[in-house]
PDB file of N, CA and C in Angstrom:
ATOM      1  N   MET A   1     -52.263 144.353 -74.535  1.00  0.00           N
ATOM      2  CA  MET A   1     -51.627 143.297 -74.951  1.00  0.00           C
ATOM      3  C   MET A   1     -53.025 142.624 -75.381  1.00  0.00           C
ATOM      4  N   ASP A   2     -53.410 141.995 -76.453  1.00  0.00           N
ATOM      5  CA  ASP A   2     -54.598 140.885 -76.273  1.00  0.00           C
ATOM      6  C   ASP A   2     -54.661 139.937 -75.835  1.00  0.00           C
ATOM      7  N   LYS A   3     -56.129 139.490 -75.513  1.00  0.00           N
ATOM      8  CA  LYS A   3     -56.030 137.863 -74.687  1.00  0.00           C
ATOM      9  C   LYS A   3     -55.829 137.022 -75.642  1.00  0.00           C
ATOM     10  N   LYS A   4     -55.895 137.306 -77.020  1.00  0.00           N
ATOM     11  CA  LYS A   4     -55.131 136.425 -78.144  1.00  0.00           C
ATOM     12  C   LYS A   4     -54.110 135.702 -78.340  1.00  0.00           C
ATOM     13  N   ASP A   5     -53.006 136.883 -77.433  1.00  0.00           N
ATOM     14  CA  ASP A   5     -51.744 136.435 -77.081  1.00  0.00           C
ATOM     15  C   ASP A   5     -50.976 135.657 -76.160  1.00  0.00           C
ATOM     16  N   PHE A   6     -51.891 135.400 -75.267  1.00  0.00           N
ATOM     17  CA  PHE A   6     -51.615 134.311 -74.343  1.00  0.00           C
ATOM     18  C   PHE A   6     -51.616 132.836 -74.786  1.00  0.00           C
ATOM     19  N   ALA A   7     -50.912 131.857 -74.228  1.00  0.00           N
ATOM     20  CA  ALA A   7     -50.681 130.790 -74.537  1.00  0.00           C
ATOM     21  C   ALA A   7     -51.918 129.939 -73.430  1.00  0.00           C
ATOM     22  N   PHE A   8     -52.353 130.714 -72.047  1.00  0.00           N
ATOM     23  CA  PHE A   8     -52.866 129.975 -71.255  1.00  0.00           C
ATOM     24  C   PHE A   8     -53.963 131.069 -71.053  1.00  0.00           C
ATOM     25  N   ASP A   9     -55.588 130.335 -70.325  1.00  0.00           N
ATOM     26  CA  ASP A   9     -56.077 130.942 -70.326  1.00  0.00           C
ATOM     27  C   ASP A   9     -56.575 130.565 -68.837  1.00  0.00           C
ATOM     28  N   LYS A  10     -57.254 131.495 -67.937  1.00  0.00           N
ATOM     29  CA  LYS A  10     -57.256 131.136 -66.634  1.00  0.00           C
ATOM     30  C   LYS A  10     -57.827 129.484 -66.332  1.00  0.00           C
ATOM     31  N   VAL A  11     -59.172 129.399 -67.195  1.00  0.00           N
ATOM     32  CA  VAL A  11     -58.919 128.009 -66.767  1.00  0.00           C
ATOM     33  C   VAL A  11     -57.499 126.544 -67.074  1.00  0.00           C
ATOM     34  N   ASN A  12     -56.646 127.981 -67.786  1.00  0.00           N
ATOM     35  CA  ASN A  12     -56.016 126.289 -67.510  1.00  0.00           C
ATOM     36  C   ASN A  12     -54.662 126.989 -66.529  1.00  0.00           C
ATOM     37  N   TYR A  13     -54.403 127.791 -65.897  1.00  0.00           N
ATOM     38  CA  TYR A  13     -54.233 128.465 -64.752  1.00  0.00           C
ATOM     39  C   TYR A  13     -54.096 127.636 -63.201  1.00  0.00           C
ATOM     40  N   LEU A  14     -55.972 127.674 -63.434  1.00  0.00           N
ATOM     41  CA  LEU A  14     -56.681 127.393 -62.300  1.00  0.00           C
ATOM     42  C   LEU A  14     -56.201 124.975 -62.622  1.00  0.00           C
ATOM     43  N   LEU A  15     -56.519 124.617 -63.264  1.00  0.00           N
ATOM     44  CA  LEU A  15     -56.053 123.785 -63.729  1.00  0.00           C
ATOM     45  C   LEU A  15     -54.261 123.001 -63.383  1.00  0.00           C
ATOM     46  N   LEU A  16     -53.197 123.848 -63.843  1.00  0.00           N
ATOM     47  CA  LEU A  16     -52.003 123.642 -62.734  1.00  0.00           C
ATOM     48  C   LEU A  16     -52.220 124.260 -61.758  1.00  0.00           C
ATOM     49  N   ALA A  17     -52.810 124.999 -61.265  1.00  0.00           N
ATOM     50  CA  ALA A  17     -52.376 124.970 -59.971  1.00  0.00           C
ATOM     51  C   ALA A  17     -53.332 123.644 -58.474  1.00  0.00           C
ATOM     52  N   VAL A  18     -54.031 123.197 -59.550  1.00  0.00           N
ATOM     53  CA  VAL A  18     -54.677 122.007 -58.562  1.00  0.00           C
ATOM     54  C   VAL A  18     -54.204 120.507 -58.417  1.00  0.00           C
ATOM     55  N   GLY A  19     -53.564 120.709 -60.176  1.00  0.00           N
ATOM     56  CA  GLY A  19     -52.273 119.883 -59.860  1.00  0.00           C
ATOM     57  C   GLY A  19     -50.715 119.767 -59.058  1.00  0.00           C
ATOM     58  N   MET A  20     -50.822 120.821 -59.032  1.00  0.00           N
ATOM     59  CA  MET A  20     -49.924 121.190 -57.798  1.00  0.00           C
ATOM     60  C   MET A  20     -50.128 120.419 -56.695  1.00  0.00           C
ATOM     61  N   ILE A  21     -51.022 121.106 -56.078  1.00  0.00           N
ATOM     62  CA  ILE A  21     -51.369 120.972 -55.412  1.00  0.00           C
ATOM     63  C   ILE A  21     -51.430 119.404 -54.729  1.00  0.00           C
ATOM     64  N   ILE A  22     -51.847 118.541 -55.735  1.00  0.00           N
ATOM     65  CA  ILE A  22     -52.858 117.078 -55.820  1.00  0.00           C
ATOM     66  C   ILE A  22     -50.825 116.539 -55.301  1.00  0.00           C
ATOM     67  N   VAL A  23     -50.065 116.999 -56.188  1.00  0.00           N
ATOM     68  CA  VAL A  23     -48.805 116.511 -56.070  1.00  0.00           C
ATOM     69  C   VAL A  23     -48.056 116.667 -54.985  1.00  0.00           C
ATOM     70  N   VAL A  24     -48.388 117.705 -54.171  1.00  0.00           N
ATOM     71  CA  VAL A  24     -47.671 118.450 -52.665  1.00  0.00           C
ATOM     72  C   VAL A  24     -48.808 117.024 -52.295  1.00  0.00           C
ATOM     73  N   ILE A  25     -50.235 116.815 -52.491  1.00  0.00           N
ATOM     74  CA  ILE A  25     -50.448 116.303 -51.219  1.00  0.00           C
ATOM     75  C   ILE A  25     -50.017 114.832 -51.118  1.00  0.00           C
ATOM     76  N   GLY A  26     -49.714 114.193 -52.552  1.00  0.00           N
ATOM     77  CA  GLY A  26     -48.790 112.804 -52.693  1.00  0.00           C
ATOM     78  C   GLY A  26     -47.773 112.961 -51.608  1.00  0.00           C
ATOM     79  N   PHE A  27     -46.740 114.195 -52.104  1.00  0.00           N
ATOM     80  CA  PHE A  27     -45.320 113.714 -51.542  1.00  0.00           C
ATOM     81  C   PHE A  27     -46.402 113.757 -49.675  1.00  0.00           C
ATOM     82  N   LEU A  28     -46.417 114.729 -49.599  1.00  0.00           N
ATOM     83  CA  LEU A  28     -46.857 114.717 -48.246  1.00  0.00           C
ATOM     84  C   LEU A  28     -46.892 113.405 -47.535  1.00  0.00           C
ATOM     85  N   LEU A  29     -48.766 112.823 -48.620  1.00  0.00           N
ATOM     86  CA  LEU A  29     -48.535 111.465 -47.741  1.00  0.00           C
ATOM     87  C   LEU A  29     -47.858 110.289 -48.108  1.00  0.00           C
ATOM     88  N   MET A  30     -46.178 110.700 -48.671  1.00  0.00           N
ATOM     89  CA  MET A  30     -45.260 109.470 -48.924  1.00  0.00           C
ATOM     90  C   MET A  30     -44.498 109.586 -47.415  1.00  0.00           C
ATOM     91  N   THR A  31     -44.626 110.934 -45.818  1.00  0.00           N
ATOM     92  CA  THR A  31     -44.137 111.243 -45.570  1.00  0.00           C
ATOM     93  C   THR A  31     -44.136 110.407 -44.296  1.00  0.00           C
ATOM     94  N   GLY A  32     -43.053 110.319 -43.300  1.00  0.00           N
ATOM     95  CA  GLY A  32     -43.340 109.354 -42.231  1.00  0.00           C
ATOM     96  C   GLY A  32     -42.071 109.095 -41.281  1.00  0.00           C
ATOM     97  N   PRO A  33     -42.082 108.320 -40.475  1.00  0.00           N
ATOM     98  CA  PRO A  33     -40.909 107.720 -40.027  1.00  0.00           C
ATOM     99  C   PRO A  33     -40.215 106.814 -40.421  1.00  0.00           C
ATOM    100  N   SER A  34     -39.182 107.138 -40.166  1.00  0.00           N
ATOM    101  CA  SER A  34     -38.084 106.517 -40.926  1.00  0.00           C
ATOM    102  C   SER A  34     -37.536 105.109 -40.308  1.00  0.00           C
ATOM    103  N   SER A  35     -36.376 104.132 -40.969  1.00  0.00           N
ATOM    104  CA  SER A  35     -35.846 103.590 -40.031  1.00  0.00           C
ATOM    105  C   SER A  35     -34.324 103.881 -39.694  1.00  0.00           C
ATOM    106  N   THR A  36     -33.702 103.109 -38.487  1.00  0.00           N
ATOM    107  CA  THR A  36     -32.510 103.757 -38.109  1.00  0.00           C
ATOM    108  C   THR A  36     -31.948 102.402 -37.879  1.00  0.00           C
ATOM    109  N   ASP A  37     -30.705 102.849 -38.140  1.00  0.00           N
ATOM    110  CA  ASP A  37     -29.995 101.610 -37.588  1.00  0.00           C
ATOM    111  C   ASP A  37     -29.617 100.948 -36.482  1.00  0.00           C
ATOM    112  N   THR A  38     -30.051 101.085 -35.273  1.00  0.00           N
ATOM    113  CA  THR A  38     -30.940 100.502 -34.163  1.00  0.00           C
ATOM    114  C   THR A  38     -32.066 100.154 -34.487  1.00  0.00           C
ATOM    115  N   ALA A  39     -32.912 100.674 -34.849  1.00  0.00           N
ATOM    116  CA  ALA A  39     -34.447 100.398 -35.012  1.00  0.00           C
ATOM    117  C   ALA A  39     -35.006 100.402 -36.411  1.00  0.00           C
ATOM    118  N   PHE A  40     -35.820  99.191 -36.890  1.00  0.00           N
ATOM    119  CA  PHE A  40     -36.930  98.990 -37.892  1.00  0.00           C
ATOM    120  C   PHE A  40     -37.865  99.911 -37.565  1.00  0.00           C
ATOM    121  N   GLU A  41     -38.588 100.324 -38.824  1.00  0.00           N
ATOM    122  CA  GLU A  41     -39.593 100.812 -38.653  1.00  0.00           C
ATOM    123  C   GLU A  41     -40.378 100.330 -39.956  1.00  0.00           C
ATOM    124  N   PRO A  42     -41.440  99.589 -39.612  1.00  0.00           N
ATOM    125  CA  PRO A  42     -42.398  99.117 -40.494  1.00  0.00           C
ATOM    126  C   PRO A  42     -43.185 100.001 -41.490  1.00  0.00           C
ATOM    127  N   ASP A  43     -43.406 101.167 -40.865  1.00  0.00           N
ATOM    128  CA  ASP A  43     -44.354 101.949 -41.305  1.00  0.00           C
ATOM    129  C   ASP A  43     -44.148 102.174 -42.584  1.00  0.00           C
ATOM    130  N   ILE A  44     -42.550 102.126 -43.257  1.00  0.00           N
ATOM    131  CA  ILE A  44     -42.143 102.377 -44.154  1.00  0.00           C
ATOM    132  C   ILE A  44     -42.471 101.752 -45.326  1.00  0.00           C
ATOM    133  N   PHE A  45     -43.559 100.531 -45.453  1.00  0.00           N
ATOM    134  CA  PHE A  45     -43.942  99.878 -46.436  1.00  0.00           C
ATOM    135  C   PHE A  45     -45.893  99.569 -46.617  1.00  0.00           C
ATOM    136  N   SER A  46     -46.206 100.559 -45.874  1.00  0.00           N
ATOM    137  CA  SER A  46     -47.079 100.708 -45.502  1.00  0.00           C
ATOM    138  C   SER A  46     -47.542 101.072 -47.437  1.00  0.00           C
ATOM    139  N   ALA A  47     -49.003 100.819 -47.316  1.00  0.00           N
ATOM    140  CA  ALA A  47     -50.136 101.329 -48.475  1.00  0.00           C
ATOM    141  C   ALA A  47     -49.718 102.514 -48.606  1.00  0.00           C
ATOM    142  N   ARG A  48     -49.748 103.111 -47.881  1.00  0.00           N
ATOM    143  CA  ARG A  48     -50.785 104.888 -48.086  1.00  0.00           C
ATOM    144  C   ARG A  48     -49.144 105.350 -48.552  1.00  0.00           C
ATOM    145  N   ARG A  49     -47.114 104.713 -47.920  1.00  0.00           N
ATOM    146  CA  ARG A  49     -46.814 105.358 -48.664  1.00  0.00           C
ATOM    147  C   ARG A  49     -46.272 104.024 -49.617  1.00  0.00           C
ATOM    148  N   THR A  50     -46.642 103.558 -49.955  1.00  0.00           N
ATOM    149  CA  THR A  50     -46.426 102.574 -51.092  1.00  0.00           C
ATOM    150  C   THR A  50     -47.039 102.241 -52.435  1.00  0.00           C
ATOM    151  N   LYS A  51     -48.203 102.416 -52.119  1.00  0.00           N
ATOM    152  CA  LYS A  51     -49.268 102.822 -53.285  1.00  0.00           C
ATOM    153  C   LYS A  51     -49.639 103.770 -53.869  1.00  0.00           C
ATOM    154  N   LEU A  52     -50.513 104.511 -52.480  1.00  0.00           N
ATOM    155  CA  LEU A  52     -51.295 105.572 -52.654  1.00  0.00           C
ATOM    156  C   LEU A  52     -51.199 106.565 -53.238  1.00  0.00           C
ATOM    157  N   ALA A  53     -49.593 106.851 -52.594  1.00  0.00           N
ATOM    158  CA  ALA A  53     -49.097 108.338 -52.856  1.00  0.00           C
ATOM    159  C   ALA A  53     -48.499 108.304 -54.027  1.00  0.00           C
ATOM    160  N   PRO A  54     -47.516 107.706 -54.623  1.00  0.00           N
ATOM    161  CA  PRO A  54     -47.933 107.002 -55.681  1.00  0.00           C
ATOM    162  C   PRO A  54     -48.254 107.778 -56.717  1.00  0.00           C
ATOM    163  N   LEU A  55     -49.912 107.317 -56.307  1.00  0.00           N
ATOM    164  CA  LEU A  55     -51.092 107.264 -57.587  1.00  0.00           C
ATOM    165  C   LEU A  55     -51.458 108.550 -57.797  1.00  0.00           C
ATOM    166  N   VAL A  56     -51.695 109.090 -56.149  1.00  0.00           N
ATOM    167  CA  VAL A  56     -51.928 110.804 -56.410  1.00  0.00           C
ATOM    168  C   VAL A  56     -51.338 111.481 -57.012  1.00  0.00           C
ATOM    169  N   CYS A  57     -49.696 111.236 -56.436  1.00  0.00           N
ATOM    170  CA  CYS A  57     -48.838 111.587 -57.468  1.00  0.00           C
ATOM    171  C   CYS A  57     -48.616 111.793 -59.249  1.00  0.00           C
ATOM    172  N   LEU A  58     -49.713 110.639 -59.656  1.00  0.00           N
ATOM    173  CA  LEU A  58     -49.354 110.425 -60.585  1.00  0.00           C
ATOM    174  C   LEU A  58     -50.677 111.035 -61.508  1.00  0.00           C
ATOM    175  N   PHE A  59     -51.045 110.880 -60.823  1.00  0.00           N
ATOM    176  CA  PHE A  59     -52.513 111.530 -60.772  1.00  0.00           C
ATOM    177  C   PHE A  59     -52.907 113.101 -61.090  1.00  0.00           C
ATOM    178  N   GLY A  60     -51.721 113.630 -60.668  1.00  0.00           N
ATOM    179  CA  GLY A  60     -51.244 115.320 -59.784  1.00  0.00           C
ATOM    180  C   GLY A  60     -50.872 115.715 -61.320  1.00  0.00           C
ATOM    181  N   PHE A  61     -49.597 114.925 -61.588  1.00  0.00           N
ATOM    182  CA  PHE A  61     -48.709 115.635 -62.987  1.00  0.00           C
ATOM    183  C   PHE A  61     -49.863 114.651 -64.390  1.00  0.00           C
ATOM    184  N   VAL A  62     -50.472 114.301 -64.893  1.00  0.00           N
ATOM    185  CA  VAL A  62     -51.314 113.994 -65.542  1.00  0.00           C
ATOM    186  C   VAL A  62     -52.315 114.947 -64.914  1.00  0.00           C
ATOM    187  N   SER A  63     -52.506 115.654 -64.125  1.00  0.00           N
ATOM    188  CA  SER A  63     -54.304 116.407 -64.236  1.00  0.00           C
ATOM    189  C   SER A  63     -53.011 117.691 -64.981  1.00  0.00           C
ATOM    190  N   MET A  64     -51.699 118.105 -64.357  1.00  0.00           N
ATOM    191  CA  MET A  64     -50.844 119.000 -64.925  1.00  0.00           C
ATOM    192  C   MET A  64     -50.241 119.144 -66.453  1.00  0.00           C
ATOM    193  N   ILE A  65     -50.275 118.222 -66.468  1.00  0.00           N
ATOM    194  CA  ILE A  65     -49.871 117.941 -68.474  1.00  0.00           C
ATOM    195  C   ILE A  65     -51.341 117.696 -69.040  1.00  0.00           C
ATOM    196  N   TYR A  66     -52.217 117.232 -68.817  1.00  0.00           N
ATOM    197  CA  TYR A  66     -53.830 118.024 -69.436  1.00  0.00           C
ATOM    198  C   TYR A  66     -53.540 120.024 -69.550  1.00  0.00           C
ATOM    199  N   ALA A  67     -53.748 120.179 -68.269  1.00  0.00           N
ATOM    200  CA  ALA A  67     -53.982 121.378 -68.059  1.00  0.00           C
ATOM    201  C   ALA A  67     -53.031 122.466 -69.179  1.00  0.00           C
ATOM    202  N   VAL A  68     -51.800 121.919 -69.121  1.00  0.00           N
ATOM    203  CA  VAL A  68     -51.042 122.323 -70.463  1.00  0.00           C
ATOM    204  C   VAL A  68     -51.413 122.009 -71.706  1.00  0.00           C
ATOM    205  N   VAL A  69     -51.824 120.862 -71.898  1.00  0.00           N
ATOM    206  CA  VAL A  69     -52.048 120.678 -73.368  1.00  0.00           C
ATOM    207  C   VAL A  69     -53.462 121.218 -73.725  1.00  0.00           C
ATOM    208  N   ARG A  70     -54.308 122.073 -72.831  1.00  0.00           N
ATOM    209  CA  ARG A  70     -56.127 122.287 -73.411  1.00  0.00           C
ATOM    210  C   ARG A  70     -56.004 123.232 -73.282  1.00  0.00           C
ATOM    211  N   LYS A  71     -56.815 123.433 -74.943  1.00  0.00           N
ATOM    212  CA  LYS A  71     -56.617 124.425 -75.880  1.00  0.00           C
ATOM    213  C   LYS A  71     -57.874 125.233 -75.078  1.00  0.00           C
ATOM    214  N   PRO A  72     -57.193 126.666 -75.176  1.00  0.00           N
ATOM    215  CA  PRO A  72     -58.646 127.233 -74.212  1.00  0.00           C
ATOM    216  C   PRO A  72     -59.676 127.829 -75.236  1.00  0.00           C
ATOM    217  N   LYS A  73     -60.454 127.915 -75.035  1.00  0.00           N
ATOM    218  CA  LYS A  73     -61.932 128.293 -75.757  1.00  0.00           C
ATOM    219  C   LYS A  73     -61.492 130.226 -76.125  1.00  0.00           C
ATOM    220  N   ASN A  74     -62.054 130.053 -77.189  1.00  0.00           N
ATOM    221  CA  ASN A  74     -62.454 131.234 -77.639  1.00  0.00           C
ATOM    222  C   ASN A  74     -63.321 131.998 -77.492  1.00  0.00           C
TER     223      ASN A  74
END
């Protein structure tokens, strides 16, 4: 097979992998203790879980879209 037959090149796959890692980091930032019926956990409304983590995930998804749309150089 010739290299021209592939839709992606090495940089596209690298950008996809970096985007996936960023999304995973964003989901890990969302984790934490949860509230139960007997105890309320105020950490569920922390800025890290409600603002930072979704923005990190959004940045990861946008970078993955860019990796798919990016045209390889010949």
